[in-house]
C-alpha atoms as a PDB file:
ATOM      1  CA  UNK A   1     105.222 132.168 108.551  1.00  0.00           C
ATOM      2  CA  UNK A   2     108.980 131.601 108.094  1.00  0.00           C
ATOM      3  CA  UNK A   3     110.668 133.322 105.232  1.00  0.00           C
ATOM      4  CA  UNK A   4     111.315 131.012 102.287  1.00  0.00           C
ATOM      5  CA  UNK A   5     114.969 130.202 101.728  1.00  0.00           C
ATOM      6  CA  UNK A   6     116.760 131.527  98.633  1.00  0.00           C
ATOM      7  CA  UNK A   7     117.277 127.985  97.331  1.00  0.00           C
ATOM      8  CA  UNK A   8     113.635 127.085  97.641  1.00  0.00           C
ATOM      9  CA  UNK A   9     112.674 130.381  96.050  1.00  0.00           C
ATOM     10  CA  UNK A  10     114.857 129.726  93.045  1.00  0.00           C
ATOM     11  CA  UNK A  11     113.483 126.229  92.593  1.00  0.00           C
ATOM     12  CA  UNK A  12     109.971 127.544  93.118  1.00  0.00           C
ATOM     13  CA  UNK A  13     110.355 130.188  90.434  1.00  0.00           C
ATOM     14  CA  UNK A  14     111.714 127.551  88.000  1.00  0.00           C
ATOM     15  CA  UNK A  15     108.720 125.349  88.704  1.00  0.00           C
ATOM     16  CA  UNK A  16     106.325 128.274  88.407  1.00  0.00           C
ATOM     17  CA  UNK A  17     107.763 129.106  85.075  1.00  0.00           C
ATOM     18  CA  UNK A  18     107.330 125.493  83.991  1.00  0.00           C
ATOM     19  CA  UNK A  19     103.681 125.740  84.888  1.00  0.00           C
ATOM     20  CA  UNK A  20     103.530 123.275  87.837  1.00  0.00           C
ATOM     21  CA  UNK A  21     102.142 126.029  90.100  1.00  0.00           C
ATOM     22  CA  UNK A  22     100.600 128.137  87.414  1.00  0.00           C
ATOM     23  CA  UNK A  23      97.376 129.927  88.258  1.00  0.00           C
ATOM     24  CA  UNK A  24      96.002 131.453  91.407  1.00  0.00           C
ATOM     25  CA  UNK A  25      94.679 129.016  93.980  1.00  0.00           C
ATOM     26  CA  UNK A  26      90.826 129.141  94.029  1.00  0.00           C
ATOM     27  CA  UNK A  27      88.945 130.617  96.969  1.00  0.00           C
ATOM     28  CA  UNK A  28      88.370 128.268  99.874  1.00  0.00           C
ATOM     29  CA  UNK A  29      85.022 126.458  99.908  1.00  0.00           C
ATOM     30  CA  UNK A  30      82.156 127.902 101.830  1.00  0.00           C
ATOM     31  CA  UNK A  31      82.345 124.986 104.247  1.00  0.00           C
ATOM     32  CA  UNK A  32      85.555 123.435 105.550  1.00  0.00           C
ATOM     33  CA  UNK A  33      86.378 119.834 104.808  1.00  0.00           C
ATOM     34  CA  UNK A  34      87.340 119.186 108.456  1.00  0.00           C
ATOM     35  CA  UNK A  35      88.756 115.850 109.201  1.00  0.00           C
ATOM     36  CA  UNK A  36      91.520 113.791 110.790  1.00  0.00           C
ATOM     37  CA  UNK A  37      94.271 112.096 108.725  1.00  0.00           C
ATOM     38  CA  UNK A  38      97.661 110.481 108.809  1.00  0.00           C
ATOM     39  CA  UNK A  39     100.568 110.423 106.388  1.00  0.00           C
ATOM     40  CA  UNK A  40     103.366 107.935 106.903  1.00  0.00           C
ATOM     41  CA  UNK A  41     106.338 106.015 105.515  1.00  0.00           C
ATOM     42  CA  UNK A  42     106.858 102.400 106.481  1.00  0.00           C
ATOM     43  CA  UNK A  43     110.448 102.194 107.863  1.00  0.00           C
ATOM     44  CA  UNK A  44     110.732  98.522 106.796  1.00  0.00           C
ATOM     45  CA  UNK A  45     109.362  98.502 103.284  1.00  0.00           C
ATOM     46  CA  UNK A  46     109.631 102.197 102.410  1.00  0.00           C
ATOM     47  CA  UNK A  47     105.932 102.208 101.323  1.00  0.00           C
ATOM     48  CA  UNK A  48     104.155 105.502 101.610  1.00  0.00           C
ATOM     49  CA  UNK A  49     100.551 105.880 102.828  1.00  0.00           C
ATOM     50  CA  UNK A  50      97.833 108.354 103.658  1.00  0.00           C
ATOM     51  CA  UNK A  51      94.472 107.723 105.329  1.00  0.00           C
ATOM     52  CA  UNK A  52      91.592 109.952 106.304  1.00  0.00           C
ATOM     53  CA  UNK A  53      88.053 110.103 107.793  1.00  0.00           C
ATOM     54  CA  UNK A  54      85.593 112.995 107.722  1.00  0.00           C
ATOM     55  CA  UNK A  55      82.019 114.046 107.934  1.00  0.00           C
ATOM     56  CA  UNK A  56      82.231 115.088 104.271  1.00  0.00           C
ATOM     57  CA  UNK A  57      81.205 113.250 101.120  1.00  0.00           C
ATOM     58  CA  UNK A  58      83.976 111.516  99.181  1.00  0.00           C
ATOM     59  CA  UNK A  59      86.765 112.854 101.336  1.00  0.00           C
ATOM     60  CA  UNK A  60      89.343 110.714  99.623  1.00  0.00           C
ATOM     61  CA  UNK A  61      88.853 112.443  96.295  1.00  0.00           C
ATOM     62  CA  UNK A  62      90.314 115.724  97.606  1.00  0.00           C
ATOM     63  CA  UNK A  63      92.410 114.961 100.716  1.00  0.00           C
ATOM     64  CA  UNK A  64      94.603 111.977  99.847  1.00  0.00           C
ATOM     65  CA  UNK A  65      97.475 112.146  97.314  1.00  0.00           C
ATOM     66  CA  UNK A  66     100.359 109.843  96.637  1.00  0.00           C
ATOM     67  CA  UNK A  67     103.040 109.002  94.095  1.00  0.00           C
ATOM     68  CA  UNK A  68     105.228 105.979  94.230  1.00  0.00           C
ATOM     69  CA  UNK A  69     108.897 106.788  94.994  1.00  0.00           C
ATOM     70  CA  UNK A  70     107.934 110.394  95.680  1.00  0.00           C
ATOM     71  CA  UNK A  71     105.701 111.004  98.681  1.00  0.00           C
ATOM     72  CA  UNK A  72     102.181 111.378 100.081  1.00  0.00           C
ATOM     73  CA  UNK A  73     100.067 114.399 100.922  1.00  0.00           C
ATOM     74  CA  UNK A  74      96.986 115.149 103.008  1.00  0.00           C
ATOM     75  CA  UNK A  75      95.369 118.518 102.423  1.00  0.00           C
ATOM     76  CA  UNK A  76      92.316 119.490 104.510  1.00  0.00           C
ATOM     77  CA  UNK A  77      90.562 122.090 106.600  1.00  0.00           C
ATOM     78  CA  UNK A  78      89.457 124.786 104.111  1.00  0.00           C
ATOM     79  CA  UNK A  79      90.879 122.381 101.604  1.00  0.00           C
ATOM     80  CA  UNK A  80      93.008 123.415  98.623  1.00  0.00           C
ATOM     81  CA  UNK A  81      93.385 120.164  96.646  1.00  0.00           C
ATOM     82  CA  UNK A  82      96.190 121.662  94.650  1.00  0.00           C
ATOM     83  CA  UNK A  83      98.558 121.046  97.541  1.00  0.00           C
ATOM     84  CA  UNK A  84      98.374 117.386  96.517  1.00  0.00           C
ATOM     85  CA  UNK A  85      99.492 117.259  92.867  1.00  0.00           C
ATOM     86  CA  UNK A  86     101.555 120.458  93.193  1.00  0.00           C
ATOM     87  CA  UNK A  87     103.304 119.163  96.277  1.00  0.00           C
ATOM     88  CA  UNK A  88     104.074 115.822  94.567  1.00  0.00           C
ATOM     89  CA  UNK A  89     105.399 117.630  91.482  1.00  0.00           C
ATOM     90  CA  UNK A  90     107.791 119.617  93.631  1.00  0.00           C
ATOM     91  CA  UNK A  91     108.975 116.533  95.418  1.00  0.00           C
ATOM     92  CA  UNK A  92     109.452 114.797  92.072  1.00  0.00           C
ATOM     93  CA  UNK A  93     111.571 117.755  91.135  1.00  0.00           C
ATOM     94  CA  UNK A  94     113.927 117.100  94.026  1.00  0.00           C
ATOM     95  CA  UNK A  95     112.637 119.230  96.927  1.00  0.00           C
ATOM     96  CA  UNK A  96     112.239 117.687 100.365  1.00  0.00           C
ATOM     97  CA  UNK A  97     108.820 117.666 101.989  1.00  0.00           C
ATOM     98  CA  UNK A  98     109.646 120.588 104.341  1.00  0.00           C
ATOM     99  CA  UNK A  99     110.859 122.718 101.417  1.00  0.00           C
ATOM    100  CA  UNK A 100     107.758 121.823  99.390  1.00  0.00           C
ATOM    101  CA  UNK A 101     105.341 122.815 102.090  1.00  0.00           C
ATOM    102  CA  UNK A 102     107.198 126.013 102.819  1.00  0.00           C
ATOM    103  CA  UNK A 103     107.122 126.926  99.194  1.00  0.00           C
ATOM    104  CA  UNK A 104     103.470 126.294  98.733  1.00  0.00           C
ATOM    105  CA  UNK A 105     102.400 128.099 101.889  1.00  0.00           C
ATOM    106  CA  UNK A 106     104.422 131.139 100.804  1.00  0.00           C
ATOM    107  CA  UNK A 107     102.319 131.608  97.691  1.00  0.00           C
ATOM    108  CA  UNK A 108      98.950 130.781  99.398  1.00  0.00           C
ATOM    109  CA  UNK A 109      97.073 133.799 100.632  1.00  0.00           C
ATOM    110  CA  UNK A 110      94.697 131.533 102.601  1.00  0.00           C
ATOM    111  CA  UNK A 111      97.393 129.595 104.475  1.00  0.00           C
ATOM    112  CA  UNK A 112      95.846 130.497 107.787  1.00  0.00           C
ATOM    113  CA  UNK A 113      92.821 128.223 107.135  1.00  0.00           C
ATOM    114  CA  UNK A 114      94.817 125.302 105.602  1.00  0.00           C
ATOM    115  CA  UNK A 115      95.925 122.065 107.243  1.00  0.00           C
ATOM    116  CA  UNK A 116      98.442 120.111 105.200  1.00  0.00           C
ATOM    117  CA  UNK A 117     100.830 117.277 105.892  1.00  0.00           C
ATOM    118  CA  UNK A 118     103.476 115.610 103.664  1.00  0.00           C
ATOM    119  CA  UNK A 119     105.986 112.827 103.873  1.00  0.00           C
ATOM    120  CA  UNK A 120     108.554 112.246 101.169  1.00  0.00           C
ATOM    121  CA  UNK A 121     110.223 109.006 100.043  1.00  0.00           C
ATOM    122  CA  UNK A 122     113.156 109.681 102.376  1.00  0.00           C
ATOM    123  CA  UNK A 123     110.767 109.941 105.387  1.00  0.00           C
ATOM    124  CA  UNK A 124     111.074 113.645 105.838  1.00  0.00           C
ATOM    125  CA  UNK A 125     107.915 115.098 107.325  1.00  0.00           C
ATOM    126  CA  UNK A 126     106.290 118.505 107.055  1.00  0.00           C
ATOM    127  CA  UNK A 127     103.043 119.690 108.540  1.00  0.00           C
ATOM    128  CA  UNK A 128     101.114 122.931 108.828  1.00  0.00           C
ATOM    129  CA  UNK A 129      97.980 123.779 110.834  1.00  0.00           C
ATOM    130  CA  UNK A 130      96.830 127.321 110.118  1.00  0.00           C
ATOM    131  CA  UNK A 131      95.822 129.503 113.110  1.00  0.00           C
ATOM    132  CA  UNK A 132      92.347 129.944 111.641  1.00  0.00           C
ATOM    133  CA  UNK A 133      91.565 126.228 111.560  1.00  0.00           C
ATOM    134  CA  UNK A 134      88.532 125.547 113.734  1.00  0.00           C
ATOM    135  CA  UNK A 135      89.291 123.895 117.061  1.00  0.00           C
ATOM    136  CA  UNK A 136      90.157 121.461 118.288  1.00  0.00           C
ATOM    137  CA  UNK A 137      92.850 121.580 115.642  1.00  0.00           C
ATOM    138  CA  UNK A 138      96.510 120.512 115.670  1.00  0.00           C
ATOM    139  CA  UNK A 139      99.089 118.011 114.533  1.00  0.00           C
ATOM    140  CA  UNK A 140     101.855 115.765 115.773  1.00  0.00           C
ATOM    141  CA  UNK A 141     104.931 114.644 113.812  1.00  0.00           C
ATOM    142  CA  UNK A 142     107.045 111.600 114.574  1.00  0.00           C
ATOM    143  CA  UNK A 143     109.649 109.509 112.883  1.00  0.00           C
ATOM    144  CA  UNK A 144     108.409 109.238 109.316  1.00  0.00           C
ATOM    145  CA  UNK A 145     104.798 110.192 110.023  1.00  0.00           C
ATOM    146  CA  UNK A 146     102.430 113.027 110.858  1.00  0.00           C
ATOM    147  CA  UNK A 147      98.868 112.972 112.255  1.00  0.00           C
ATOM    148  CA  UNK A 148      96.601 116.014 111.954  1.00  0.00           C
ATOM    149  CA  UNK A 149      93.003 116.942 112.755  1.00  0.00           C
ATOM    150  CA  UNK A 150      90.700 119.900 112.912  1.00  0.00           C
ATOM    151  CA  UNK A 151      87.149 120.600 114.112  1.00  0.00           C
ATOM    152  CA  UNK A 152      87.451 117.588 116.506  1.00  0.00           C
ATOM    153  CA  UNK A 153      85.091 116.924 119.361  1.00  0.00           C
ATOM    154  CA  UNK A 154      87.974 116.798 121.898  1.00  0.00           C
ATOM    155  CA  UNK A 155      91.558 117.826 122.159  1.00  0.00           C
ATOM    156  CA  UNK A 156      92.620 114.196 122.566  1.00  0.00           C
ATOM    157  CA  UNK A 157      92.320 113.071 118.970  1.00  0.00           C
ATOM    158  CA  UNK A 158      95.814 113.927 117.715  1.00  0.00           C
ATOM    159  CA  UNK A 159      97.620 112.380 120.647  1.00  0.00           C
ATOM    160  CA  UNK A 160      95.460 109.285 120.410  1.00  0.00           C
ATOM    161  CA  UNK A 161      96.325 108.861 116.715  1.00  0.00           C
ATOM    162  CA  UNK A 162     100.015 109.277 117.332  1.00  0.00           C
ATOM    163  CA  UNK A 163     100.051 106.817 120.158  1.00  0.00           C
ATOM    164  CA  UNK A 164      98.069 104.204 118.219  1.00  0.00           C
ATOM    165  CA  UNK A 165     100.361 104.462 115.158  1.00  0.00           C
ATOM    166  CA  UNK A 166     103.602 104.210 117.215  1.00  0.00           C
ATOM    167  CA  UNK A 167     102.365 101.334 119.307  1.00  0.00           C
ATOM    168  CA  UNK A 168     100.816  99.262 116.484  1.00  0.00           C
ATOM    169  CA  UNK A 169     102.674  96.767 114.360  1.00  0.00           C
ATOM    170  CA  UNK A 170     102.229  94.862 111.117  1.00  0.00           C
ATOM    171  CA  UNK A 171     101.745  96.206 107.608  1.00  0.00           C
ATOM    172  CA  UNK A 172     101.443  99.948 107.057  1.00  0.00           C
ATOM    173  CA  UNK A 173      97.743  99.572 106.213  1.00  0.00           C
ATOM    174  CA  UNK A 174      97.025  98.137 109.614  1.00  0.00           C
ATOM    175  CA  UNK A 175      98.916 100.907 111.375  1.00  0.00           C
ATOM    176  CA  UNK A 176      97.122 103.595 109.391  1.00  0.00           C
ATOM    177  CA  UNK A 177      93.805 101.941 110.259  1.00  0.00           C
ATOM    178  CA  UNK A 178      94.768 101.818 113.909  1.00  0.00           C
ATOM    179  CA  UNK A 179      95.371 105.584 113.914  1.00  0.00           C
ATOM    180  CA  UNK A 180      92.059 106.340 112.332  1.00  0.00           C
ATOM    181  CA  UNK A 181      90.177 104.080 114.749  1.00  0.00           C
ATOM    182  CA  UNK A 182      91.949 105.732 117.645  1.00  0.00           C
ATOM    183  CA  UNK A 183      90.915 109.140 116.484  1.00  0.00           C
ATOM    184  CA  UNK A 184      87.277 108.086 116.335  1.00  0.00           C
ATOM    185  CA  UNK A 185      87.496 106.504 119.801  1.00  0.00           C
ATOM    186  CA  UNK A 186      88.847 109.804 121.141  1.00  0.00           C
ATOM    187  CA  UNK A 187      85.819 111.749 119.832  1.00  0.00           C
ATOM    188  CA  UNK A 188      86.578 112.199 116.165  1.00  0.00           C
ATOM    189  CA  UNK A 189      84.965 114.926 113.981  1.00  0.00           C
ATOM    190  CA  UNK A 190      82.529 117.026 116.097  1.00  0.00           C
ATOM    191  CA  UNK A 191      79.931 116.595 113.277  1.00  0.00           C
ATOM    192  CA  UNK A 192      80.179 112.777 113.090  1.00  0.00           C
ATOM    193  CA  UNK A 193      81.314 110.560 110.301  1.00  0.00           C
ATOM    194  CA  UNK A 194      80.559 110.058 106.596  1.00  0.00           C
ATOM    195  CA  UNK A 195      83.520 108.996 104.390  1.00  0.00           C
ATOM    196  CA  UNK A 196      87.020 107.614 104.627  1.00  0.00           C
ATOM    197  CA  UNK A 197      89.891 106.590 102.348  1.00  0.00           C
ATOM    198  CA  UNK A 198      93.308 104.922 102.340  1.00  0.00           C
ATOM    199  CA  UNK A 199      96.022 105.210  99.685  1.00  0.00           C
ATOM    200  CA  UNK A 200      99.346 103.376  99.840  1.00  0.00           C
ATOM    201  CA  UNK A 201     102.093 103.405  97.163  1.00  0.00           C
ATOM    202  CA  UNK A 202     105.494 101.764  96.860  1.00  0.00           C
ATOM    203  CA  UNK A 203     108.497 103.685  98.160  1.00  0.00           C
ATOM    204  CA  UNK A 204     110.440 102.402  95.231  1.00  0.00           C
ATOM    205  CA  UNK A 205     108.594 102.408  91.881  1.00  0.00           C
ATOM    206  CA  UNK A 206     108.704  99.314  89.790  1.00  0.00           C
ATOM    207  CA  UNK A 207     108.577 100.992  86.460  1.00  0.00           C
ATOM    208  CA  UNK A 208     105.141  99.399  85.969  1.00  0.00           C
ATOM    209  CA  UNK A 209     102.722 102.014  87.233  1.00  0.00           C
ATOM    210  CA  UNK A 210      99.840  99.558  87.481  1.00  0.00           C
ATOM    211  CA  UNK A 211     101.872  97.746  90.223  1.00  0.00           C
ATOM    212  CA  UNK A 212     102.945 100.784  92.217  1.00  0.00           C
ATOM    213  CA  UNK A 213      99.653 101.437  94.050  1.00  0.00           C
ATOM    214  CA  UNK A 214      99.289  98.865  96.748  1.00  0.00           C
ATOM    215  CA  UNK A 215      96.046 100.092  98.421  1.00  0.00           C
ATOM    216  CA  UNK A 216      93.481 102.470  96.941  1.00  0.00           C
ATOM    217  CA  UNK A 217      90.203 102.320  98.970  1.00  0.00           C
ATOM    218  CA  UNK A 218      87.488 104.930  99.269  1.00  0.00           C
ATOM    219  CA  UNK A 219      84.268 104.822 101.254  1.00  0.00           C
ATOM    220  CA  UNK A 220      82.312 107.688  99.770  1.00  0.00           C
ATOM    221  CA  UNK A 221      79.221 107.775 101.963  1.00  0.00           C
ATOM    222  CA  UNK A 222      78.547 105.424 104.863  1.00  0.00           C
ATOM    223  CA  UNK A 223      77.124 105.562 108.373  1.00  0.00           C
ATOM    224  CA  UNK A 224      80.221 103.769 109.710  1.00  0.00           C
ATOM    225  CA  UNK A 225      82.982 104.577 107.201  1.00  0.00           C
ATOM    226  CA  UNK A 226      85.897 103.211 109.236  1.00  0.00           C
ATOM    227  CA  UNK A 227      84.178  99.846 109.761  1.00  0.00           C
ATOM    228  CA  UNK A 228      83.479  99.760 106.027  1.00  0.00           C
ATOM    229  CA  UNK A 229      87.099 100.779 105.218  1.00  0.00           C
ATOM    230  CA  UNK A 230      88.423  97.906 107.351  1.00  0.00           C
ATOM    231  CA  UNK A 231      86.009  95.482 105.698  1.00  0.00           C
ATOM    232  CA  UNK A 232      87.220  96.590 102.244  1.00  0.00           C
ATOM    233  CA  UNK A 233      90.862  96.158 103.325  1.00  0.00           C
ATOM    234  CA  UNK A 234      90.012  92.523 104.239  1.00  0.00           C
ATOM    235  CA  UNK A 235      88.314  92.092 100.865  1.00  0.00           C
ATOM    236  CA  UNK A 236      91.319  93.452  99.099  1.00  0.00           C
ATOM    237  CA  UNK A 237      93.638  91.114 100.882  1.00  0.00           C
ATOM    238  CA  UNK A 238      91.458  88.145  99.983  1.00  0.00           C
ATOM    239  CA  UNK A 239      91.473  89.119  96.310  1.00  0.00           C
ATOM    240  CA  UNK A 240      95.212  89.645  96.417  1.00  0.00           C
ATOM    241  CA  UNK A 241      95.451  86.045  97.579  1.00  0.00           C
ATOM    242  CA  UNK A 242      93.095  85.043  94.733  1.00  0.00           C
ATOM    243  CA  UNK A 243      95.205  86.899  92.199  1.00  0.00           C
ATOM    244  CA  UNK A 244      98.329  85.024  93.524  1.00  0.00           C
ATOM    245  CA  UNK A 245      96.431  81.796  93.183  1.00  0.00           C
ATOM    246  CA  UNK A 246      95.639  82.608  89.615  1.00  0.00           C
ATOM    247  CA  UNK A 247      99.305  83.336  88.867  1.00  0.00           C
ATOM    248  CA  UNK A 248     100.210  80.022  90.418  1.00  0.00           C
ATOM    249  CA  UNK A 249      97.663  78.214  88.216  1.00  0.00           C
ATOM    250  CA  UNK A 250      99.229  79.933  85.165  1.00  0.00           C
ATOM    251  CA  UNK A 251     102.609  78.608  86.283  1.00  0.00           C
ATOM    252  CA  UNK A 252     101.290  75.041  86.827  1.00  0.00           C
ATOM    253  CA  UNK A 253     101.895  75.226  90.590  1.00  0.00           C
ATOM    254  CA  UNK A 254      98.653  73.736  91.999  1.00  0.00           C
ATOM    255  CA  UNK A 255     100.036  73.392  95.513  1.00  0.00           C
ATOM    256  CA  UNK A 256     100.850  77.120  95.735  1.00  0.00           C
ATOM    257  CA  UNK A 257      97.491  77.984  94.183  1.00  0.00           C
ATOM    258  CA  UNK A 258      95.682  75.950  96.779  1.00  0.00           C
ATOM    259  CA  UNK A 259      97.545  77.803  99.604  1.00  0.00           C
ATOM    260  CA  UNK A 260      96.599  81.166  98.136  1.00  0.00           C
ATOM    261  CA  UNK A 261      92.979  80.244  97.522  1.00  0.00           C
ATOM    262  CA  UNK A 262      92.674  78.737 101.042  1.00  0.00           C
ATOM    263  CA  UNK A 263      94.047  81.982 102.508  1.00  0.00           C
ATOM    264  CA  UNK A 264      91.427  83.904 100.552  1.00  0.00           C
ATOM    265  CA  UNK A 265      88.667  81.617 101.823  1.00  0.00           C
ATOM    266  CA  UNK A 266      89.792  82.219 105.404  1.00  0.00           C
ATOM    267  CA  UNK A 267      89.497  85.964 104.873  1.00  0.00           C
ATOM    268  CA  UNK A 268      86.159  85.798 103.041  1.00  0.00           C
ATOM    269  CA  UNK A 269      84.484  82.538 104.112  1.00  0.00           C
ATOM    270  CA  UNK A 270      81.106  83.622 102.694  1.00  0.00           C
ATOM    271  CA  UNK A 271      82.244  84.656  99.263  1.00  0.00           C
ATOM    272  CA  UNK A 272      80.988  82.309  96.478  1.00  0.00           C
ATOM    273  CA  UNK A 273      83.748  83.581  94.202  1.00  0.00           C
ATOM    274  CA  UNK A 274      86.502  82.572  96.574  1.00  0.00           C
ATOM    275  CA  UNK A 275      84.890  79.246  97.492  1.00  0.00           C
ATOM    276  CA  UNK A 276      84.271  78.406  93.872  1.00  0.00           C
ATOM    277  CA  UNK A 277      87.912  78.844  92.774  1.00  0.00           C
ATOM    278  CA  UNK A 278      89.135  77.083  95.905  1.00  0.00           C
ATOM    279  CA  UNK A 279      86.891  74.039  94.923  1.00  0.00           C
ATOM    280  CA  UNK A 280      87.951  74.108  91.248  1.00  0.00           C
ATOM    281  CA  UNK A 281      91.639  74.201  92.257  1.00  0.00           C
ATOM    282  CA  UNK A 282      91.130  71.219  94.568  1.00  0.00           C
ATOM    283  CA  UNK A 283      89.381  69.316  91.798  1.00  0.00           C
ATOM    284  CA  UNK A 284      91.956  69.963  89.129  1.00  0.00           C
ATOM    285  CA  UNK A 285      94.889  69.210  91.461  1.00  0.00           C
ATOM    286  CA  UNK A 286      93.677  65.710  92.244  1.00  0.00           C
ATOM    287  CA  UNK A 287      91.722  66.418  95.468  1.00  0.00           C
ATOM    288  CA  UNK A 288      88.225  65.869  94.028  1.00  0.00           C
ATOM    289  CA  UNK A 289      86.693  64.457  97.195  1.00  0.00           C
ATOM    290  CA  UNK A 290      87.647  67.616  99.104  1.00  0.00           C
ATOM    291  CA  UNK A 291      86.427  69.819  96.210  1.00  0.00           C
ATOM    292  CA  UNK A 292      82.927  68.303  95.826  1.00  0.00           C
ATOM    293  CA  UNK A 293      81.399  69.565  99.060  1.00  0.00           C
ATOM    294  CA  UNK A 294      82.726  73.108  98.368  1.00  0.00           C
ATOM    295  CA  UNK A 295      81.367  73.122  94.880  1.00  0.00           C
ATOM    296  CA  UNK A 296      78.008  71.593  95.938  1.00  0.00           C
ATOM    297  CA  UNK A 297      77.570  74.443  98.324  1.00  0.00           C
ATOM    298  CA  UNK A 298      78.432  77.053  95.667  1.00  0.00           C
ATOM    299  CA  UNK A 299      76.102  75.451  93.018  1.00  0.00           C
ATOM    300  CA  UNK A 300      73.200  75.382  95.499  1.00  0.00           C
ATOM    301  CA  UNK A 301      73.598  78.997  96.263  1.00  0.00           C
ATOM    302  CA  UNK A 302      73.690  80.162  92.606  1.00  0.00           C
ATOM    303  CA  UNK A 303      73.372  77.917  89.563  1.00  0.00           C
ATOM    304  CA  UNK A 304      75.309  80.338  87.290  1.00  0.00           C
ATOM    305  CA  UNK A 305      78.397  78.774  88.716  1.00  0.00           C
ATOM    306  CA  UNK A 306      77.279  75.495  87.113  1.00  0.00           C
ATOM    307  CA  UNK A 307      77.231  77.059  83.667  1.00  0.00           C
ATOM    308  CA  UNK A 308      80.632  78.752  84.280  1.00  0.00           C
ATOM    309  CA  UNK A 309      82.066  75.341  85.148  1.00  0.00           C
ATOM    310  CA  UNK A 310      81.015  73.961  81.798  1.00  0.00           C
ATOM    311  CA  UNK A 311      82.939  76.771  80.124  1.00  0.00           C
ATOM    312  CA  UNK A 312      86.164  76.042  81.841  1.00  0.00           C
ATOM    313  CA  UNK A 313      87.016  73.234  79.444  1.00  0.00           C
ATOM    314  CA  UNK A 314      86.980  75.842  76.637  1.00  0.00           C
ATOM    315  CA  UNK A 315      90.031  77.532  78.140  1.00  0.00           C
ATOM    316  CA  UNK A 316      91.719  74.337  79.488  1.00  0.00           C
ATOM    317  CA  UNK A 317      91.254  75.127  83.153  1.00  0.00           C
ATOM    318  CA  UNK A 318      89.617  71.690  83.017  1.00  0.00           C
ATOM    319  CA  UNK A 319      91.607  69.805  80.352  1.00  0.00           C
ATOM    320  CA  UNK A 320      89.737  68.935  77.175  1.00  0.00           C
ATOM    321  CA  UNK A 321      90.691  65.300  77.433  1.00  0.00           C
ATOM    322  CA  UNK A 322      88.889  62.114  78.307  1.00  0.00           C
ATOM    323  CA  UNK A 323      90.062  62.473  81.890  1.00  0.00           C
ATOM    324  CA  UNK A 324      88.908  66.075  81.882  1.00  0.00           C
ATOM    325  CA  UNK A 325      85.536  65.099  80.622  1.00  0.00           C
ATOM    326  CA  UNK A 326      85.197  62.562  83.394  1.00  0.00           C
ATOM    327  CA  UNK A 327      86.232  65.181  85.972  1.00  0.00           C
ATOM    328  CA  UNK A 328      83.741  67.658  84.618  1.00  0.00           C
ATOM    329  CA  UNK A 329      80.933  65.157  84.819  1.00  0.00           C
ATOM    330  CA  UNK A 330      81.895  64.325  88.438  1.00  0.00           C
ATOM    331  CA  UNK A 331      81.769  68.035  89.306  1.00  0.00           C
ATOM    332  CA  UNK A 332      78.481  68.689  87.575  1.00  0.00           C
ATOM    333  CA  UNK A 333      76.889  65.698  89.253  1.00  0.00           C
ATOM    334  CA  UNK A 334      76.823  67.611  92.554  1.00  0.00           C
ATOM    335  CA  UNK A 335      74.845  70.449  91.071  1.00  0.00           C
ATOM    336  CA  UNK A 336      71.143  70.640  92.036  1.00  0.00           C
ATOM    337  CA  UNK A 337      68.850  69.039  89.447  1.00  0.00           C
ATOM    338  CA  UNK A 338      67.171  71.637  87.221  1.00  0.00           C
ATOM    339  CA  UNK A 339      63.361  71.660  87.411  1.00  0.00           C
END
């Protein structure tokens, strides 16, 4: 292991004194949380992401760590979760990812069995694969990203992940997903698959912490965790479109709301929730004839939506006016008759 620089040592001692690294790291678990993962910074948006898959229950709860405007961390193999929050604290304090990893490895007596990767908000990358990680184990770093894996079925996993990430386009979530799927196609974890996770935060915080996490998805236990993770990503995008539609309704922009709800319906064509609000927006924006077939389908599938529709006038989604009353009656007329 390289000697830690005097500057990093001084900063590390300051942070130790402040308590951010207080305490001795616990002993490694009796079984390794072997896995494959990716950490990356989007060069266009600056967003920071980490994604993982493993034959281990709830892998996202211990491997994936992120902080908006700071960085992302993946900590695996004989996992020491403290690399996540401690690493982010050190990056928040001003250290670059390579300095952070060097500092943490220096005080870890079990560094030989660790596998850790970090990317900071400036896109600086640091990765460590201990020489006691179970083969096939290794990592590859590129411009603003790192892929790493251990206990893989083949030695092709890391290179397949790197190639998929570099050759894919689109949003960061799609590129992370491509890397995970490439790892699985190249053999993946020698034990199989169980859980997966994806965490993406903004590269520049907004000052509103509830808006700084862009993707936070975890598949805790599933026979096909990557397929489920991709499905959840689609669901999230549909509900993001729904949320945008809701905002447009609040602002009185029915045309924009309709665009957003229609986009959501394309992503989740079988969702009653999505179809219902698409229909209500059509109805309240003067497109009743287009709305009625949509609402008839929803009401036939579940009559609870009929009761919900009656309540919309209480909150002025359907105006409490004579015109609104007529509209409500036209809508309710397409509901199945109650026996």
